[in-house]
Structure formats: structure tokens, C-alpha cells
Amino acid sequence: MKTLPGKTVERLSQYRRALTASLAANRNYVFSHELAAMLHITAVQVRRDLMLIGYGSVMRKGYDVRELIKTIGSIIDAPNGLNVAIIGMGNLGRAITGYFRGKRTNMSVVAAFDVDPQKVDKVVAGVRCYNISQLKKLKEELDITVAVLAVPTDQAVSMGATLVSIGIRGIMNFTTAPLNVPDNVFLEEFDMITSIEKVAYFVKENQPPAGK
């Protein structure tokens, strides 16, 4: 199978979450239009995505929920799992660490790093925080391949360069500073300020006229 487009991978992850919720509600089959309604997209988009991974439905029953969850996992999950590090244990870093726990069995947050002595050696959601000076050593010892960047914005570029230099292969950047990484490193950037401003814009545009 060829490498899937990033947007398709995002939707596959969303499908799996929706399917897992359906399974918890004792639903064993789901139709494309039902899955589409859960995610506010079209049934055509659902069918296109699932065709890309070679999955079809039973005409009268829809998609087998368990089998589809398993198929999506075989496509987007690393066979042996991946180890993740949180870089920066301020409010955001701690929140991400706590939220991440137990969400995916194939991805584990194995360490956190910070420069603040008050945070070093503390444990959050079962994850120990180490001094940033130990990053390279523990990257090798713990086989860390993915880093979540939650440092202050003015430290983001230099820390991003450090992560690349020690062989981190994937970075999730939660700062507002854009990063430049080589082609062999996958970078996902999430700018919460931009996302909030986008929401605010559309609220403004749809605001009813005064007095209505």
C-alpha cells in the first residue's frame, strides 16, 4: 500500500474512535452514512477512505465494527508500538501527559523532560520528568522516536533542532513557533491560538444583527 495522505490518516483515526464508541454501545455493524454522520462528513468520503485501505462493507449489514477497528489499527499503528517523550512540563505538558495515558496501547509516553529543577523527578500520570540534559541518553535507552513539544515559544526552535539532531523521527509541535525539519522527520504543528481565532471569526460572521 502506498503512503496515505495525511488527511486520510486523520480521518482513519477519527473513524476508529467513533467505531470504538459504537462497539461500547453494543453496535456490531455500522453503515457508511452513519459513520459519516458521527464525524460530520459525507458517506462518499467514508467509502473513499475505506476503499483506499481495501475495506468493503457487507451490503445489508454495513461495516463490521470489530473488523474495521482491527483493519484501521493494522494500517496506522506501528507493529511494535512507539515510545513518546513530552518536552516541557508546564501546564500544557502536564495536561497532555495526563490526557494521553491509556488512550492508545501501541503508543506510550515513557518520559518527560524540563529544565526546571522544581519539575525534575516529579511523576505525572505515571510518567517521570527528567532534566533535559538527559534527553539524548534516555532517547537511546528508552527507544524514544516521537516527541511532543510543549516548551515556551522562545525555546521551540532550538529545542526542535535538538530533537532532530538526536534522531527523533516525529514531532508534535504545540507551540506557536513554526519549525523547519528535514524530510525524514514528520512534523505536525497545532496552533491553538489560530484555532481559537478561527472559531471566533465564524462566530462573529454568524452573529445575528443587533436587536434581533
N, C-alpha and C. Protein backbone atom coordinates (compact mmCIF):
# COMPACT_ATOMS: atom_id res chain seq x y z
N MET A 1 0.84 -1.20 0.00
CA MET A 1 0.00 0.00 0.00
C MET A 1 0.88 1.25 0.00
N LYS A 2 0.49 2.23 -0.84
CA LYS A 2 1.22 3.48 -0.88
C LYS A 2 0.95 4.28 0.40
N THR A 3 1.87 5.21 0.68
CA THR A 3 1.68 6.08 1.85
C THR A 3 0.38 6.86 1.69
N LEU A 4 -0.43 6.85 2.73
CA LEU A 4 -1.72 7.52 2.67
C LEU A 4 -1.57 9.03 2.87
N PRO A 5 -2.47 9.83 2.28
CA PRO A 5 -2.46 11.28 2.55
C PRO A 5 -2.70 11.55 4.03
N GLY A 6 -2.11 12.64 4.52
CA GLY A 6 -2.24 12.98 5.94
C GLY A 6 -3.68 13.12 6.38
N LYS A 7 -4.54 13.75 5.56
CA LYS A 7 -5.94 13.94 5.93
C LYS A 7 -6.68 12.62 6.04
N THR A 8 -6.31 11.66 5.19
CA THR A 8 -6.92 10.34 5.27
C THR A 8 -6.55 9.66 6.57
N VAL A 9 -5.28 9.76 6.97
CA VAL A 9 -4.85 9.17 8.23
C VAL A 9 -5.60 9.79 9.40
N GLU A 10 -5.79 11.11 9.36
CA GLU A 10 -6.55 11.80 10.41
C GLU A 10 -7.96 11.23 10.50
N ARG A 11 -8.60 11.04 9.35
CA ARG A 11 -9.98 10.53 9.36
C ARG A 11 -10.02 9.07 9.82
N LEU A 12 -9.03 8.29 9.45
CA LEU A 12 -9.00 6.90 9.92
C LEU A 12 -8.93 6.85 11.44
N SER A 13 -8.13 7.72 12.03
CA SER A 13 -8.05 7.80 13.49
C SER A 13 -9.41 8.17 14.08
N GLN A 14 -10.09 9.12 13.43
CA GLN A 14 -11.41 9.54 13.90
C GLN A 14 -12.44 8.42 13.72
N TYR A 15 -12.35 7.69 12.60
CA TYR A 15 -13.25 6.56 12.41
C TYR A 15 -13.08 5.54 13.53
N ARG A 16 -11.83 5.26 13.87
CA ARG A 16 -11.58 4.25 14.90
C ARG A 16 -12.19 4.67 16.24
N ARG A 17 -12.05 5.95 16.59
CA ARG A 17 -12.64 6.41 17.84
C ARG A 17 -14.16 6.28 17.81
N ALA A 18 -14.77 6.66 16.68
CA ALA A 18 -16.22 6.56 16.56
C ALA A 18 -16.67 5.10 16.59
N LEU A 19 -15.92 4.24 15.94
CA LEU A 19 -16.26 2.81 15.92
C LEU A 19 -16.13 2.19 17.31
N THR A 20 -15.10 2.60 18.03
CA THR A 20 -14.90 2.09 19.40
C THR A 20 -16.07 2.50 20.28
N ALA A 21 -16.55 3.74 20.10
CA ALA A 21 -17.71 4.19 20.87
C ALA A 21 -18.95 3.40 20.47
N SER A 22 -19.08 3.07 19.18
CA SER A 22 -20.22 2.27 18.72
C SER A 22 -20.18 0.87 19.31
N LEU A 23 -18.99 0.30 19.37
CA LEU A 23 -18.84 -1.03 19.94
C LEU A 23 -19.22 -1.02 21.41
N ALA A 24 -18.84 0.03 22.11
CA ALA A 24 -19.19 0.15 23.53
C ALA A 24 -20.70 0.27 23.72
N ALA A 25 -21.38 0.75 22.68
CA ALA A 25 -22.84 0.87 22.72
C ALA A 25 -23.51 -0.38 22.15
N ASN A 26 -22.73 -1.47 22.02
CA ASN A 26 -23.25 -2.77 21.56
C ASN A 26 -23.71 -2.77 20.11
N ARG A 27 -23.05 -1.95 19.29
CA ARG A 27 -23.32 -1.97 17.85
C ARG A 27 -22.22 -2.74 17.15
N ASN A 28 -22.59 -3.79 16.42
CA ASN A 28 -21.61 -4.64 15.74
C ASN A 28 -21.42 -4.28 14.28
N TYR A 29 -22.36 -3.56 13.71
CA TYR A 29 -22.27 -3.14 12.31
C TYR A 29 -22.68 -1.67 12.20
N VAL A 30 -22.09 -0.99 11.23
CA VAL A 30 -22.43 0.42 11.02
C VAL A 30 -22.34 0.72 9.53
N PHE A 31 -23.27 1.50 9.02
CA PHE A 31 -23.26 1.88 7.61
C PHE A 31 -22.42 3.13 7.41
N SER A 32 -21.99 3.34 6.17
CA SER A 32 -21.12 4.48 5.86
C SER A 32 -21.81 5.80 6.20
N HIS A 33 -23.12 5.91 5.95
CA HIS A 33 -23.80 7.18 6.24
C HIS A 33 -23.90 7.43 7.74
N GLU A 34 -23.95 6.35 8.54
CA GLU A 34 -23.99 6.51 9.98
C GLU A 34 -22.63 6.96 10.51
N LEU A 35 -21.57 6.35 10.00
CA LEU A 35 -20.22 6.74 10.39
C LEU A 35 -19.95 8.18 9.97
N ALA A 36 -20.42 8.54 8.78
CA ALA A 36 -20.23 9.90 8.28
C ALA A 36 -20.94 10.92 9.17
N ALA A 37 -22.15 10.57 9.62
CA ALA A 37 -22.92 11.49 10.47
C ALA A 37 -22.22 11.74 11.80
N MET A 38 -21.54 10.72 12.32
CA MET A 38 -20.81 10.88 13.59
C MET A 38 -19.69 11.90 13.47
N LEU A 39 -19.12 12.02 12.26
CA LEU A 39 -17.95 12.88 12.06
C LEU A 39 -18.26 14.12 11.23
N HIS A 40 -19.54 14.30 10.88
CA HIS A 40 -19.97 15.48 10.12
C HIS A 40 -19.25 15.58 8.77
N ILE A 41 -19.14 14.43 8.10
CA ILE A 41 -18.59 14.39 6.74
C ILE A 41 -19.59 13.63 5.87
N THR A 42 -19.23 13.39 4.60
CA THR A 42 -20.15 12.69 3.71
C THR A 42 -19.88 11.19 3.69
N ALA A 43 -20.92 10.42 3.38
CA ALA A 43 -20.76 8.97 3.25
C ALA A 43 -19.81 8.64 2.10
N VAL A 44 -19.81 9.47 1.07
CA VAL A 44 -18.90 9.25 -0.06
C VAL A 44 -17.45 9.32 0.42
N GLN A 45 -17.15 10.29 1.29
CA GLN A 45 -15.79 10.42 1.82
C GLN A 45 -15.40 9.19 2.63
N VAL A 46 -16.32 8.70 3.44
CA VAL A 46 -16.06 7.49 4.23
C VAL A 46 -15.73 6.32 3.32
N ARG A 47 -16.56 6.11 2.31
CA ARG A 47 -16.34 4.98 1.40
C ARG A 47 -15.03 5.11 0.65
N ARG A 48 -14.68 6.33 0.24
CA ARG A 48 -13.40 6.54 -0.47
C ARG A 48 -12.22 6.19 0.43
N ASP A 49 -12.27 6.66 1.66
CA ASP A 49 -11.17 6.39 2.59
C ASP A 49 -11.01 4.90 2.83
N LEU A 50 -12.12 4.21 3.04
CA LEU A 50 -12.04 2.79 3.36
C LEU A 50 -11.66 1.96 2.14
N MET A 51 -12.03 2.44 0.96
CA MET A 51 -11.58 1.77 -0.26
C MET A 51 -10.07 1.87 -0.40
N LEU A 52 -9.50 3.01 0.04
CA LEU A 52 -8.05 3.20 -0.04
C LEU A 52 -7.30 2.14 0.78
N ILE A 53 -7.91 1.67 1.86
CA ILE A 53 -7.25 0.66 2.68
C ILE A 53 -7.78 -0.75 2.40
N GLY A 54 -8.56 -0.85 1.31
CA GLY A 54 -9.01 -2.15 0.87
C GLY A 54 -10.11 -2.77 1.69
N TYR A 55 -10.96 -1.92 2.28
CA TYR A 55 -12.02 -2.46 3.13
C TYR A 55 -13.39 -2.15 2.54
N GLY A 56 -14.25 -3.18 2.48
CA GLY A 56 -15.60 -3.02 1.97
C GLY A 56 -16.62 -3.41 3.01
N SER A 57 -17.88 -3.17 2.71
CA SER A 57 -18.94 -3.47 3.67
C SER A 57 -19.77 -4.66 3.21
N VAL A 58 -20.47 -5.28 4.17
CA VAL A 58 -21.49 -6.26 3.85
C VAL A 58 -22.74 -5.47 3.48
N MET A 59 -23.24 -5.68 2.28
CA MET A 59 -24.26 -4.81 1.71
C MET A 59 -25.44 -4.54 2.65
N ARG A 60 -25.97 -5.56 3.27
CA ARG A 60 -27.18 -5.38 4.07
C ARG A 60 -26.90 -5.09 5.54
N LYS A 61 -25.66 -5.24 5.94
CA LYS A 61 -25.33 -5.04 7.35
C LYS A 61 -24.47 -3.81 7.60
N GLY A 62 -23.74 -3.40 6.59
CA GLY A 62 -22.79 -2.31 6.78
C GLY A 62 -21.42 -2.86 7.12
N TYR A 63 -20.60 -2.02 7.75
CA TYR A 63 -19.24 -2.42 8.11
C TYR A 63 -19.24 -3.18 9.43
N ASP A 64 -18.46 -4.25 9.45
CA ASP A 64 -18.26 -4.99 10.71
C ASP A 64 -17.38 -4.13 11.62
N VAL A 65 -17.91 -3.67 12.74
CA VAL A 65 -17.21 -2.70 13.58
C VAL A 65 -15.89 -3.26 14.09
N ARG A 66 -15.90 -4.47 14.63
CA ARG A 66 -14.66 -5.04 15.17
C ARG A 66 -13.61 -5.23 14.10
N GLU A 67 -14.02 -5.74 12.95
CA GLU A 67 -13.06 -5.97 11.86
C GLU A 67 -12.50 -4.67 11.32
N LEU A 68 -13.34 -3.64 11.25
CA LEU A 68 -12.86 -2.37 10.74
C LEU A 68 -11.90 -1.71 11.72
N ILE A 69 -12.18 -1.80 13.01
CA ILE A 69 -11.24 -1.28 14.02
C ILE A 69 -9.89 -1.98 13.88
N LYS A 70 -9.94 -3.30 13.70
CA LYS A 70 -8.71 -4.09 13.55
C LYS A 70 -7.95 -3.70 12.28
N THR A 71 -8.69 -3.51 11.19
CA THR A 71 -8.05 -3.14 9.92
C THR A 71 -7.39 -1.77 10.01
N ILE A 72 -8.10 -0.80 10.58
CA ILE A 72 -7.52 0.54 10.72
C ILE A 72 -6.26 0.48 11.59
N GLY A 73 -6.31 -0.30 12.67
CA GLY A 73 -5.13 -0.44 13.52
C GLY A 73 -3.95 -1.00 12.77
N SER A 74 -4.20 -1.98 11.89
CA SER A 74 -3.09 -2.59 11.14
C SER A 74 -2.47 -1.62 10.15
N ILE A 75 -3.25 -0.60 9.76
CA ILE A 75 -2.76 0.39 8.80
C ILE A 75 -1.99 1.52 9.48
N ILE A 76 -2.53 2.07 10.56
CA ILE A 76 -1.93 3.29 11.11
C ILE A 76 -1.07 3.06 12.35
N ASP A 77 -1.15 1.89 12.96
CA ASP A 77 -0.34 1.65 14.16
C ASP A 77 1.00 1.02 13.81
N ALA A 78 2.02 1.38 14.57
CA ALA A 78 3.32 0.72 14.43
C ALA A 78 3.23 -0.68 15.04
N PRO A 79 3.72 -1.72 14.34
CA PRO A 79 3.56 -3.10 14.81
C PRO A 79 4.09 -3.32 16.23
N ASN A 80 5.21 -2.71 16.56
CA ASN A 80 5.81 -2.91 17.87
C ASN A 80 5.58 -1.75 18.83
N GLY A 81 4.71 -0.82 18.43
CA GLY A 81 4.44 0.33 19.27
C GLY A 81 5.51 1.40 19.15
N LEU A 82 5.21 2.57 19.68
CA LEU A 82 6.15 3.70 19.64
C LEU A 82 6.23 4.32 21.03
N ASN A 83 7.42 4.79 21.38
CA ASN A 83 7.62 5.47 22.66
C ASN A 83 7.71 6.98 22.45
N VAL A 84 7.02 7.70 23.31
CA VAL A 84 6.86 9.15 23.17
C VAL A 84 7.44 9.86 24.37
N ALA A 85 8.03 11.04 24.13
CA ALA A 85 8.52 11.90 25.21
C ALA A 85 7.79 13.24 25.15
N ILE A 86 7.47 13.77 26.32
CA ILE A 86 6.90 15.11 26.42
C ILE A 86 8.03 16.08 26.76
N ILE A 87 8.21 17.10 25.94
CA ILE A 87 9.28 18.07 26.16
C ILE A 87 8.65 19.36 26.69
N GLY A 88 8.86 19.62 27.99
CA GLY A 88 8.25 20.77 28.63
C GLY A 88 7.10 20.34 29.51
N MET A 89 7.27 20.49 30.83
CA MET A 89 6.25 20.02 31.77
C MET A 89 5.59 21.17 32.52
N GLY A 90 5.24 22.21 31.74
CA GLY A 90 4.41 23.26 32.29
C GLY A 90 2.96 22.79 32.32
N ASN A 91 2.03 23.71 32.41
CA ASN A 91 0.62 23.33 32.47
C ASN A 91 0.19 22.49 31.28
N LEU A 92 0.61 22.91 30.08
CA LEU A 92 0.21 22.18 28.88
C LEU A 92 0.85 20.80 28.85
N GLY A 93 2.14 20.72 29.13
CA GLY A 93 2.83 19.43 29.11
C GLY A 93 2.21 18.43 30.08
N ARG A 94 1.86 18.91 31.28
CA ARG A 94 1.23 18.03 32.27
C ARG A 94 -0.15 17.58 31.80
N ALA A 95 -0.89 18.51 31.20
CA ALA A 95 -2.23 18.17 30.71
C ALA A 95 -2.17 17.12 29.61
N ILE A 96 -1.22 17.28 28.69
CA ILE A 96 -1.07 16.32 27.60
C ILE A 96 -0.69 14.95 28.16
N THR A 97 0.23 14.94 29.12
CA THR A 97 0.67 13.68 29.71
C THR A 97 -0.50 12.95 30.37
N GLY A 98 -1.30 13.69 31.13
CA GLY A 98 -2.44 13.07 31.80
C GLY A 98 -3.49 12.60 30.82
N TYR A 99 -3.73 13.39 29.78
CA TYR A 99 -4.75 13.02 28.79
C TYR A 99 -4.33 11.81 27.98
N PHE A 100 -3.06 11.70 27.69
CA PHE A 100 -2.55 10.66 26.80
C PHE A 100 -2.64 9.28 27.44
N ARG A 101 -2.55 9.21 28.74
CA ARG A 101 -2.46 7.92 29.42
C ARG A 101 -3.67 7.03 29.11
N GLY A 102 -3.36 5.82 28.62
CA GLY A 102 -4.39 4.83 28.37
C GLY A 102 -5.18 5.01 27.09
N LYS A 103 -4.89 6.08 26.31
CA LYS A 103 -5.66 6.31 25.10
C LYS A 103 -5.28 5.34 23.97
N ARG A 104 -4.01 4.96 23.91
CA ARG A 104 -3.56 4.05 22.86
C ARG A 104 -2.55 3.06 23.43
N THR A 105 -2.82 1.77 23.28
CA THR A 105 -1.91 0.77 23.82
C THR A 105 -0.63 0.66 23.00
N ASN A 106 -0.68 1.12 21.74
CA ASN A 106 0.50 0.98 20.88
C ASN A 106 1.43 2.20 20.96
N MET A 107 1.04 3.21 21.72
CA MET A 107 1.89 4.38 21.92
C MET A 107 1.98 4.67 23.41
N SER A 108 3.19 4.82 23.90
CA SER A 108 3.38 5.03 25.33
C SER A 108 4.23 6.25 25.60
N VAL A 109 3.76 7.12 26.49
CA VAL A 109 4.60 8.22 26.97
C VAL A 109 5.52 7.62 28.03
N VAL A 110 6.81 7.58 27.72
CA VAL A 110 7.76 6.89 28.61
C VAL A 110 8.62 7.85 29.42
N ALA A 111 8.61 9.13 29.07
CA ALA A 111 9.44 10.10 29.79
C ALA A 111 9.00 11.52 29.47
N ALA A 112 9.30 12.42 30.40
CA ALA A 112 9.08 13.85 30.18
C ALA A 112 10.39 14.57 30.53
N PHE A 113 10.57 15.77 29.98
CA PHE A 113 11.82 16.50 30.19
C PHE A 113 11.53 17.98 30.42
N ASP A 114 12.34 18.59 31.29
CA ASP A 114 12.21 20.01 31.58
C ASP A 114 13.54 20.52 32.13
N VAL A 115 13.69 21.85 32.16
CA VAL A 115 14.90 22.44 32.72
C VAL A 115 14.69 22.92 34.15
N ASP A 116 13.43 22.97 34.57
CA ASP A 116 13.09 23.50 35.88
C ASP A 116 13.36 22.45 36.97
N PRO A 117 14.28 22.73 37.91
CA PRO A 117 14.57 21.77 38.98
C PRO A 117 13.34 21.40 39.80
N GLN A 118 12.35 22.29 39.86
CA GLN A 118 11.13 22.02 40.62
C GLN A 118 10.26 20.95 39.95
N LYS A 119 10.50 20.71 38.66
CA LYS A 119 9.70 19.73 37.93
C LYS A 119 10.43 18.40 37.75
N VAL A 120 11.76 18.47 37.75
CA VAL A 120 12.57 17.26 37.57
C VAL A 120 12.33 16.28 38.71
N ASP A 121 12.23 15.01 38.35
CA ASP A 121 11.99 13.90 39.28
C ASP A 121 10.55 13.81 39.77
N LYS A 122 9.69 14.73 39.34
CA LYS A 122 8.27 14.61 39.66
C LYS A 122 7.64 13.59 38.70
N VAL A 123 6.56 12.96 39.14
CA VAL A 123 5.86 11.97 38.32
C VAL A 123 4.44 12.46 38.06
N VAL A 124 4.07 12.51 36.80
CA VAL A 124 2.73 12.94 36.38
C VAL A 124 2.09 11.81 35.59
N ALA A 125 0.95 11.33 36.05
CA ALA A 125 0.22 10.24 35.36
C ALA A 125 1.14 9.06 35.09
N GLY A 126 2.01 8.77 36.03
CA GLY A 126 2.91 7.63 35.89
C GLY A 126 4.15 7.88 35.07
N VAL A 127 4.35 9.13 34.62
CA VAL A 127 5.50 9.47 33.76
C VAL A 127 6.47 10.34 34.55
N ARG A 128 7.73 9.92 34.63
CA ARG A 128 8.75 10.68 35.36
C ARG A 128 9.32 11.79 34.48
N CYS A 129 9.55 12.94 35.11
CA CYS A 129 10.18 14.06 34.43
C CYS A 129 11.68 14.07 34.72
N TYR A 130 12.48 14.16 33.66
CA TYR A 130 13.94 14.17 33.77
C TYR A 130 14.47 15.54 33.36
N ASN A 131 15.70 15.82 33.80
CA ASN A 131 16.37 17.03 33.34
C ASN A 131 16.65 16.91 31.84
N ILE A 132 16.49 18.00 31.13
CA ILE A 132 16.66 17.99 29.68
C ILE A 132 18.06 17.52 29.27
N SER A 133 19.03 17.65 30.18
CA SER A 133 20.39 17.21 29.87
C SER A 133 20.46 15.70 29.65
N GLN A 134 19.46 14.97 30.10
CA GLN A 134 19.44 13.51 29.94
C GLN A 134 18.68 13.05 28.70
N LEU A 135 18.25 14.00 27.90
CA LEU A 135 17.41 13.68 26.75
C LEU A 135 18.08 12.71 25.78
N LYS A 136 19.29 13.01 25.35
CA LYS A 136 19.95 12.16 24.37
C LYS A 136 20.18 10.75 24.92
N LYS A 137 20.63 10.65 26.15
CA LYS A 137 20.89 9.35 26.76
C LYS A 137 19.62 8.51 26.88
N LEU A 138 18.55 9.14 27.37
CA LEU A 138 17.31 8.39 27.57
C LEU A 138 16.58 8.13 26.26
N LYS A 139 16.84 8.97 25.26
CA LYS A 139 16.26 8.70 23.95
C LYS A 139 16.72 7.34 23.46
N GLU A 140 17.99 7.04 23.65
CA GLU A 140 18.54 5.75 23.22
C GLU A 140 18.08 4.62 24.14
N GLU A 141 18.15 4.84 25.45
CA GLU A 141 17.82 3.79 26.40
C GLU A 141 16.35 3.38 26.33
N LEU A 142 15.47 4.36 26.11
CA LEU A 142 14.03 4.09 26.11
C LEU A 142 13.46 3.96 24.70
N ASP A 143 14.33 4.06 23.70
CA ASP A 143 13.91 3.94 22.30
C ASP A 143 12.78 4.93 21.97
N ILE A 144 13.01 6.18 22.29
CA ILE A 144 12.01 7.23 22.03
C ILE A 144 12.14 7.69 20.57
N THR A 145 11.03 7.66 19.85
CA THR A 145 11.05 8.09 18.45
C THR A 145 10.16 9.29 18.17
N VAL A 146 9.24 9.59 19.11
CA VAL A 146 8.30 10.70 18.91
C VAL A 146 8.40 11.66 20.10
N ALA A 147 8.35 12.95 19.81
CA ALA A 147 8.40 13.96 20.87
C ALA A 147 7.23 14.93 20.73
N VAL A 148 6.63 15.26 21.86
CA VAL A 148 5.58 16.29 21.91
C VAL A 148 6.23 17.54 22.49
N LEU A 149 6.25 18.61 21.71
CA LEU A 149 6.94 19.83 22.09
C LEU A 149 5.97 20.81 22.74
N ALA A 150 6.16 21.04 24.05
CA ALA A 150 5.26 21.93 24.80
C ALA A 150 6.07 22.92 25.63
N VAL A 151 7.15 23.42 25.05
CA VAL A 151 8.03 24.36 25.74
C VAL A 151 7.55 25.79 25.45
N PRO A 152 8.07 26.80 26.18
CA PRO A 152 7.77 28.19 25.82
C PRO A 152 8.17 28.47 24.38
N THR A 153 7.42 29.34 23.73
CA THR A 153 7.64 29.59 22.31
C THR A 153 9.06 30.00 21.98
N ASP A 154 9.71 30.80 22.84
CA ASP A 154 11.05 31.28 22.54
C ASP A 154 12.10 30.18 22.62
N GLN A 155 11.73 29.02 23.12
CA GLN A 155 12.66 27.88 23.19
C GLN A 155 12.36 26.82 22.12
N ALA A 156 11.29 27.01 21.38
CA ALA A 156 10.81 25.96 20.49
C ALA A 156 11.77 25.64 19.35
N VAL A 157 12.30 26.65 18.69
CA VAL A 157 13.15 26.41 17.53
C VAL A 157 14.43 25.67 17.92
N SER A 158 15.08 26.13 18.99
CA SER A 158 16.32 25.47 19.41
C SER A 158 16.04 24.06 19.91
N MET A 159 14.94 23.85 20.61
CA MET A 159 14.61 22.52 21.09
C MET A 159 14.23 21.60 19.93
N GLY A 160 13.54 22.15 18.95
CA GLY A 160 13.22 21.36 17.76
C GLY A 160 14.47 20.89 17.06
N ALA A 161 15.47 21.77 16.95
CA ALA A 161 16.73 21.40 16.33
C ALA A 161 17.44 20.31 17.14
N THR A 162 17.35 20.40 18.46
CA THR A 162 17.96 19.37 19.32
C THR A 162 17.29 18.03 19.09
N LEU A 163 15.99 18.02 19.02
CA LEU A 163 15.26 16.77 18.80
C LEU A 163 15.66 16.12 17.48
N VAL A 164 15.78 16.92 16.45
CA VAL A 164 16.21 16.39 15.15
C VAL A 164 17.62 15.83 15.24
N SER A 165 18.52 16.55 15.93
CA SER A 165 19.92 16.15 16.00
C SER A 165 20.14 14.83 16.72
N ILE A 166 19.24 14.48 17.66
CA ILE A 166 19.42 13.21 18.40
C ILE A 166 18.64 12.06 17.77
N GLY A 167 17.97 12.33 16.65
CA GLY A 167 17.34 11.24 15.92
C GLY A 167 15.86 11.04 16.16
N ILE A 168 15.17 12.02 16.75
CA ILE A 168 13.71 11.92 16.89
C ILE A 168 13.09 11.95 15.49
N ARG A 169 12.16 11.05 15.22
CA ARG A 169 11.62 10.90 13.88
C ARG A 169 10.26 11.57 13.67
N GLY A 170 9.60 11.94 14.77
CA GLY A 170 8.32 12.61 14.65
C GLY A 170 8.14 13.63 15.75
N ILE A 171 7.67 14.82 15.40
CA ILE A 171 7.49 15.90 16.39
C ILE A 171 6.07 16.45 16.29
N MET A 172 5.41 16.52 17.44
CA MET A 172 4.12 17.20 17.53
C MET A 172 4.38 18.53 18.22
N ASN A 173 4.26 19.62 17.47
CA ASN A 173 4.62 20.94 17.97
C ASN A 173 3.39 21.68 18.47
N PHE A 174 3.29 21.87 19.79
CA PHE A 174 2.17 22.59 20.38
C PHE A 174 2.50 24.06 20.62
N THR A 175 3.65 24.53 20.17
CA THR A 175 4.00 25.93 20.34
C THR A 175 3.53 26.73 19.13
N THR A 176 3.60 28.06 19.23
CA THR A 176 3.20 28.90 18.11
C THR A 176 4.37 29.22 17.18
N ALA A 177 5.55 28.67 17.47
CA ALA A 177 6.72 28.91 16.63
C ALA A 177 6.80 27.86 15.53
N PRO A 178 6.81 28.26 14.26
CA PRO A 178 6.94 27.28 13.18
C PRO A 178 8.34 26.67 13.17
N LEU A 179 8.40 25.37 12.90
CA LEU A 179 9.68 24.68 12.89
C LEU A 179 10.04 24.26 11.46
N ASN A 180 11.33 24.16 11.20
CA ASN A 180 11.84 23.59 9.95
C ASN A 180 12.57 22.30 10.27
N VAL A 181 12.13 21.21 9.67
CA VAL A 181 12.76 19.92 9.92
C VAL A 181 13.10 19.27 8.59
N PRO A 182 14.07 18.35 8.58
CA PRO A 182 14.40 17.65 7.34
C PRO A 182 13.28 16.72 6.89
N ASP A 183 13.36 16.25 5.66
CA ASP A 183 12.30 15.43 5.08
C ASP A 183 12.09 14.11 5.82
N ASN A 184 13.12 13.63 6.50
CA ASN A 184 12.99 12.33 7.18
C ASN A 184 12.36 12.45 8.57
N VAL A 185 11.96 13.66 8.96
CA VAL A 185 11.28 13.88 10.24
C VAL A 185 9.87 14.37 9.95
N PHE A 186 8.87 13.69 10.51
CA PHE A 186 7.49 14.13 10.30
C PHE A 186 7.12 15.15 11.37
N LEU A 187 6.60 16.29 10.92
CA LEU A 187 6.24 17.38 11.81
C LEU A 187 4.75 17.67 11.72
N GLU A 188 4.08 17.68 12.86
CA GLU A 188 2.68 18.10 12.95
C GLU A 188 2.64 19.31 13.87
N GLU A 189 2.07 20.41 13.37
CA GLU A 189 2.03 21.64 14.17
C GLU A 189 0.58 21.99 14.50
N PHE A 190 0.32 22.19 15.79
CA PHE A 190 -1.02 22.53 16.24
C PHE A 190 -0.96 23.86 16.97
N ASP A 191 -1.51 24.88 16.33
CA ASP A 191 -1.51 26.24 16.88
C ASP A 191 -2.88 26.51 17.49
N MET A 192 -2.98 26.43 18.81
CA MET A 192 -4.27 26.60 19.47
C MET A 192 -4.82 28.01 19.32
N ILE A 193 -3.93 29.01 19.29
CA ILE A 193 -4.38 30.39 19.15
C ILE A 193 -5.06 30.59 17.80
N THR A 194 -4.45 30.07 16.74
CA THR A 194 -5.06 30.17 15.41
C THR A 194 -6.40 29.46 15.37
N SER A 195 -6.48 28.30 15.99
CA SER A 195 -7.73 27.54 16.00
C SER A 195 -8.83 28.31 16.74
N ILE A 196 -8.47 28.92 17.86
CA ILE A 196 -9.46 29.69 18.62
C ILE A 196 -9.90 30.93 17.83
N GLU A 197 -8.95 31.59 17.17
CA GLU A 197 -9.30 32.76 16.37
C GLU A 197 -10.20 32.37 15.20
N LYS A 198 -9.98 31.18 14.65
CA LYS A 198 -10.84 30.69 13.57
C LYS A 198 -12.27 30.51 14.07
N VAL A 199 -12.42 29.91 15.25
CA VAL A 199 -13.74 29.75 15.85
C VAL A 199 -14.38 31.12 16.08
N ALA A 200 -13.60 32.05 16.65
CA ALA A 200 -14.13 33.38 16.95
C ALA A 200 -14.59 34.10 15.67
N TYR A 201 -13.84 33.93 14.59
CA TYR A 201 -14.21 34.57 13.33
C TYR A 201 -15.57 34.10 12.85
N PHE A 202 -15.78 32.77 12.85
CA PHE A 202 -17.04 32.24 12.34
C PHE A 202 -18.21 32.55 13.27
N VAL A 203 -17.94 32.66 14.57
CA VAL A 203 -18.99 33.11 15.49
C VAL A 203 -19.39 34.54 15.15
N LYS A 204 -18.37 35.37 14.91
CA LYS A 204 -18.63 36.77 14.55
C LYS A 204 -19.45 36.87 13.26
N GLU A 205 -19.05 36.07 12.25
CA GLU A 205 -19.71 36.14 10.96
C GLU A 205 -21.17 35.68 11.03
N ASN A 206 -21.46 34.80 11.98
CA ASN A 206 -22.81 34.26 12.10
C ASN A 206 -23.61 34.91 13.23
N GLN A 207 -23.07 36.00 13.76
CA GLN A 207 -23.74 36.71 14.85
C GLN A 207 -25.00 37.39 14.28
N PRO A 208 -26.16 37.20 14.93
CA PRO A 208 -27.36 37.88 14.43
C PRO A 208 -27.24 39.40 14.60
N PRO A 209 -27.87 40.15 13.73
CA PRO A 209 -27.79 41.62 13.84
C PRO A 209 -28.31 42.11 15.19
N ALA A 210 -27.77 43.22 15.66
CA ALA A 210 -28.18 43.79 16.94
C ALA A 210 -29.68 44.02 16.96
N GLY A 211 -30.31 43.67 18.06
CA GLY A 211 -31.73 43.89 18.22
C GLY A 211 -32.59 42.76 17.71
N LYS A 212 -31.96 41.73 17.09
CA LYS A 212 -32.75 40.61 16.57
C LYS A 212 -32.90 39.53 17.62
